[in-house]
Amino acid sequence: MRSEVEGGAKYGACPQCAGLWFGDGELRKLMSSGAQAVEFVEDTNQPVRSPQVMAASLCPDCGKMLMKYRYAYASPVELDGCEACGGVFVQDGELAAINEWKSNDAATG
């Protein structure tokens, strides 16, 4: 993974699958920096090969098993997070799905 920074958030980007690794609190920083920053990260990280659905995987920071959870509890977007260190793995397309959910939620709420 190569290290990147956008919207004040530090993250690792996989050039092969376009998956993104955010350490504890970093995804929150990116999401709070606005839709343009989120779109920029999604658009600039394109997979070289077709991304595959991630099977059970280990945290790159602490080696614990990643667990599935829903972004913001109520969203339909399911991410892979580490309960031990708070890191989050975001697969290609999931940032766009979060942005879409947030804009739809704001429009209806």
C-alpha atoms as a PDB file:
ATOM      1  CA  MET A   1       0.000   0.000   0.000  1.00  0.00           C
ATOM      2  CA  ARG A   2       1.153   3.487  -0.721  1.00  0.00           C
ATOM      3  CA  SER A   3       0.593   6.251   1.844  1.00  0.00           C
ATOM      4  CA  GLU A   4      -1.737   9.098   0.894  1.00  0.00           C
ATOM      5  CA  VAL A   5      -3.282  12.148   2.576  1.00  0.00           C
ATOM      6  CA  GLU A   6      -6.529  13.886   1.605  1.00  0.00           C
ATOM      7  CA  GLY A   7      -8.890  16.083   3.584  1.00  0.00           C
ATOM      8  CA  GLY A   8      -6.500  15.866   6.535  1.00  0.00           C
ATOM      9  CA  ALA A   9      -6.888  12.063   6.616  1.00  0.00           C
ATOM     10  CA  LYS A  10      -3.981   9.655   6.247  1.00  0.00           C
ATOM     11  CA  TYR A  11      -4.666   6.350   4.516  1.00  0.00           C
ATOM     12  CA  GLY A  12      -3.038   3.514   2.658  1.00  0.00           C
ATOM     13  CA  ALA A  13      -4.087   2.793  -0.922  1.00  0.00           C
ATOM     14  CA  CYS A  14      -3.632  -0.530  -2.700  1.00  0.00           C
ATOM     15  CA  PRO A  15      -2.752   0.137  -6.357  1.00  0.00           C
ATOM     16  CA  GLN A  16      -3.968  -3.340  -7.363  1.00  0.00           C
ATOM     17  CA  CYS A  17      -7.501  -3.499  -5.898  1.00  0.00           C
ATOM     18  CA  ALA A  18      -7.999   0.208  -4.975  1.00  0.00           C
ATOM     19  CA  GLY A  19      -8.796  -0.840  -1.419  1.00  0.00           C
ATOM     20  CA  LEU A  20      -8.117   1.804   1.234  1.00  0.00           C
ATOM     21  CA  TRP A  21      -6.870   1.338   4.794  1.00  0.00           C
ATOM     22  CA  PHE A  22      -7.740   4.045   7.320  1.00  0.00           C
ATOM     23  CA  GLY A  23      -6.215   3.980  10.794  1.00  0.00           C
ATOM     24  CA  ASP A  24      -8.318   4.813  13.845  1.00  0.00           C
ATOM     25  CA  GLY A  25     -10.278   8.036  13.246  1.00  0.00           C
ATOM     26  CA  GLU A  26      -8.887   8.691   9.765  1.00  0.00           C
ATOM     27  CA  LEU A  27     -12.039   7.685   7.829  1.00  0.00           C
ATOM     28  CA  ARG A  28     -14.039  10.039  10.067  1.00  0.00           C
ATOM     29  CA  LYS A  29     -11.620  12.864   9.167  1.00  0.00           C
ATOM     30  CA  LEU A  30     -12.056  12.208   5.456  1.00  0.00           C
ATOM     31  CA  MET A  31     -15.848  11.989   5.669  1.00  0.00           C
ATOM     32  CA  SER A  32     -16.060  15.232   7.653  1.00  0.00           C
ATOM     33  CA  SER A  33     -13.878  17.063   5.115  1.00  0.00           C
ATOM     34  CA  GLY A  34     -16.694  17.013   2.542  1.00  0.00           C
ATOM     35  CA  ALA A  35     -18.048  15.149  -0.439  1.00  0.00           C
ATOM     36  CA  GLN A  36     -15.446  16.557  -2.854  1.00  0.00           C
ATOM     37  CA  ALA A  37     -12.530  15.108  -0.885  1.00  0.00           C
ATOM     38  CA  VAL A  38     -14.295  11.738  -0.632  1.00  0.00           C
ATOM     39  CA  GLU A  39     -15.015  11.739  -4.377  1.00  0.00           C
ATOM     40  CA  PHE A  40     -11.394  12.675  -5.104  1.00  0.00           C
ATOM     41  CA  VAL A  41     -10.092   9.715  -3.079  1.00  0.00           C
ATOM     42  CA  GLU A  42     -12.575   7.336  -4.742  1.00  0.00           C
ATOM     43  CA  ASP A  43     -11.832   8.636  -8.248  1.00  0.00           C
ATOM     44  CA  THR A  44      -8.031   8.683  -7.945  1.00  0.00           C
ATOM     45  CA  ASN A  45      -7.830   5.126  -6.625  1.00  0.00           C
ATOM     46  CA  GLN A  46      -8.872   2.860  -9.452  1.00  0.00           C
ATOM     47  CA  PRO A  47      -8.124  -0.870  -9.463  1.00  0.00           C
ATOM     48  CA  VAL A  48      -5.567  -2.292 -11.871  1.00  0.00           C
ATOM     49  CA  ARG A  49      -7.443  -5.581 -11.780  1.00  0.00           C
ATOM     50  CA  SER A  50     -11.053  -6.381 -10.962  1.00  0.00           C
ATOM     51  CA  PRO A  51     -11.533  -6.156  -7.227  1.00  0.00           C
ATOM     52  CA  GLN A  52     -12.688  -9.336  -5.582  1.00  0.00           C
ATOM     53  CA  VAL A  53     -14.966  -9.551  -2.610  1.00  0.00           C
ATOM     54  CA  MET A  54     -12.685  -9.641   0.385  1.00  0.00           C
ATOM     55  CA  ALA A  55     -12.741 -12.824   2.408  1.00  0.00           C
ATOM     56  CA  ALA A  56     -11.958 -12.799   6.123  1.00  0.00           C
ATOM     57  CA  SER A  57      -8.811 -10.810   6.488  1.00  0.00           C
ATOM     58  CA  LEU A  58      -6.352  -9.600   9.073  1.00  0.00           C
ATOM     59  CA  CYS A  59      -5.707  -6.036  10.186  1.00  0.00           C
ATOM     60  CA  PRO A  60      -2.511  -4.695   8.598  1.00  0.00           C
ATOM     61  CA  ASP A  61      -1.762  -2.701  11.766  1.00  0.00           C
ATOM     62  CA  CYS A  62      -2.259  -5.231  14.579  1.00  0.00           C
ATOM     63  CA  GLY A  63      -2.924  -8.599  12.908  1.00  0.00           C
ATOM     64  CA  LYS A  64      -6.383  -9.163  14.455  1.00  0.00           C
ATOM     65  CA  MET A  65      -9.315 -10.453  12.392  1.00  0.00           C
ATOM     66  CA  LEU A  66     -11.315  -7.730  10.634  1.00  0.00           C
ATOM     67  CA  MET A  67     -15.040  -7.707  11.418  1.00  0.00           C
ATOM     68  CA  LYS A  68     -17.938  -6.572   9.219  1.00  0.00           C
ATOM     69  CA  TYR A  69     -19.946  -3.566  10.387  1.00  0.00           C
ATOM     70  CA  ARG A  70     -22.315  -1.002   8.902  1.00  0.00           C
ATOM     71  CA  TYR A  71     -21.040   2.526   8.346  1.00  0.00           C
ATOM     72  CA  ALA A  72     -22.862   4.907  10.734  1.00  0.00           C
ATOM     73  CA  TYR A  73     -24.861   1.938  12.055  1.00  0.00           C
ATOM     74  CA  ALA A  74     -27.923   2.596   9.869  1.00  0.00           C
ATOM     75  CA  SER A  75     -26.365   2.774   6.401  1.00  0.00           C
ATOM     76  CA  PRO A  76     -26.499  -0.090   3.904  1.00  0.00           C
ATOM     77  CA  VAL A  77     -22.709   0.179   3.405  1.00  0.00           C
ATOM     78  CA  GLU A  78     -20.802  -2.649   5.058  1.00  0.00           C
ATOM     79  CA  LEU A  79     -17.121  -2.070   5.877  1.00  0.00           C
ATOM     80  CA  ASP A  80     -14.389  -4.206   7.430  1.00  0.00           C
ATOM     81  CA  GLY A  81     -13.052  -2.862  10.703  1.00  0.00           C
ATOM     82  CA  CYS A  82     -10.644  -3.849  13.432  1.00  0.00           C
ATOM     83  CA  GLU A  83     -12.176  -3.879  16.901  1.00  0.00           C
ATOM     84  CA  ALA A  84      -8.699  -3.950  18.460  1.00  0.00           C
ATOM     85  CA  CYS A  85      -7.092  -0.857  16.902  1.00  0.00           C
ATOM     86  CA  GLY A  86     -10.025   0.920  15.213  1.00  0.00           C
ATOM     87  CA  GLY A  87      -8.722   0.717  11.644  1.00  0.00           C
ATOM     88  CA  VAL A  88     -11.103   0.363   8.684  1.00  0.00           C
ATOM     89  CA  PHE A  89     -10.666  -1.275   5.265  1.00  0.00           C
ATOM     90  CA  VAL A  90     -12.766   0.312   2.517  1.00  0.00           C
ATOM     91  CA  GLN A  91     -13.153  -1.645  -0.707  1.00  0.00           C
ATOM     92  CA  ASP A  92     -13.304   0.047  -4.112  1.00  0.00           C
ATOM     93  CA  GLY A  93     -16.660   1.787  -4.565  1.00  0.00           C
ATOM     94  CA  GLU A  94     -17.600   1.887  -0.880  1.00  0.00           C
ATOM     95  CA  LEU A  95     -16.666   5.566  -0.422  1.00  0.00           C
ATOM     96  CA  ALA A  96     -18.999   6.453  -3.292  1.00  0.00           C
ATOM     97  CA  ALA A  97     -21.736   4.333  -1.688  1.00  0.00           C
ATOM     98  CA  ILE A  98     -21.261   6.171   1.622  1.00  0.00           C
ATOM     99  CA  ASN A  99     -21.458   9.556  -0.135  1.00  0.00           C
ATOM    100  CA  GLU A 100     -24.625   8.491  -1.952  1.00  0.00           C
ATOM    101  CA  TRP A 101     -26.209   7.247   1.274  1.00  0.00           C
ATOM    102  CA  LYS A 102     -25.289  10.460   3.094  1.00  0.00           C
ATOM    103  CA  SER A 103     -26.738  12.674   0.348  1.00  0.00           C
ATOM    104  CA  ASN A 104     -29.942  10.608   0.168  1.00  0.00           C
ATOM    105  CA  ASP A 105     -30.234  10.626   3.965  1.00  0.00           C
ATOM    106  CA  ALA A 106     -29.778  14.417   4.057  1.00  0.00           C
ATOM    107  CA  ALA A 107     -32.408  14.877   1.332  1.00  0.00           C
ATOM    108  CA  THR A 108     -35.000  12.780   3.160  1.00  0.00           C
ATOM    109  CA  GLY A 109     -34.109  13.862   6.691  1.00  0.00           C
END
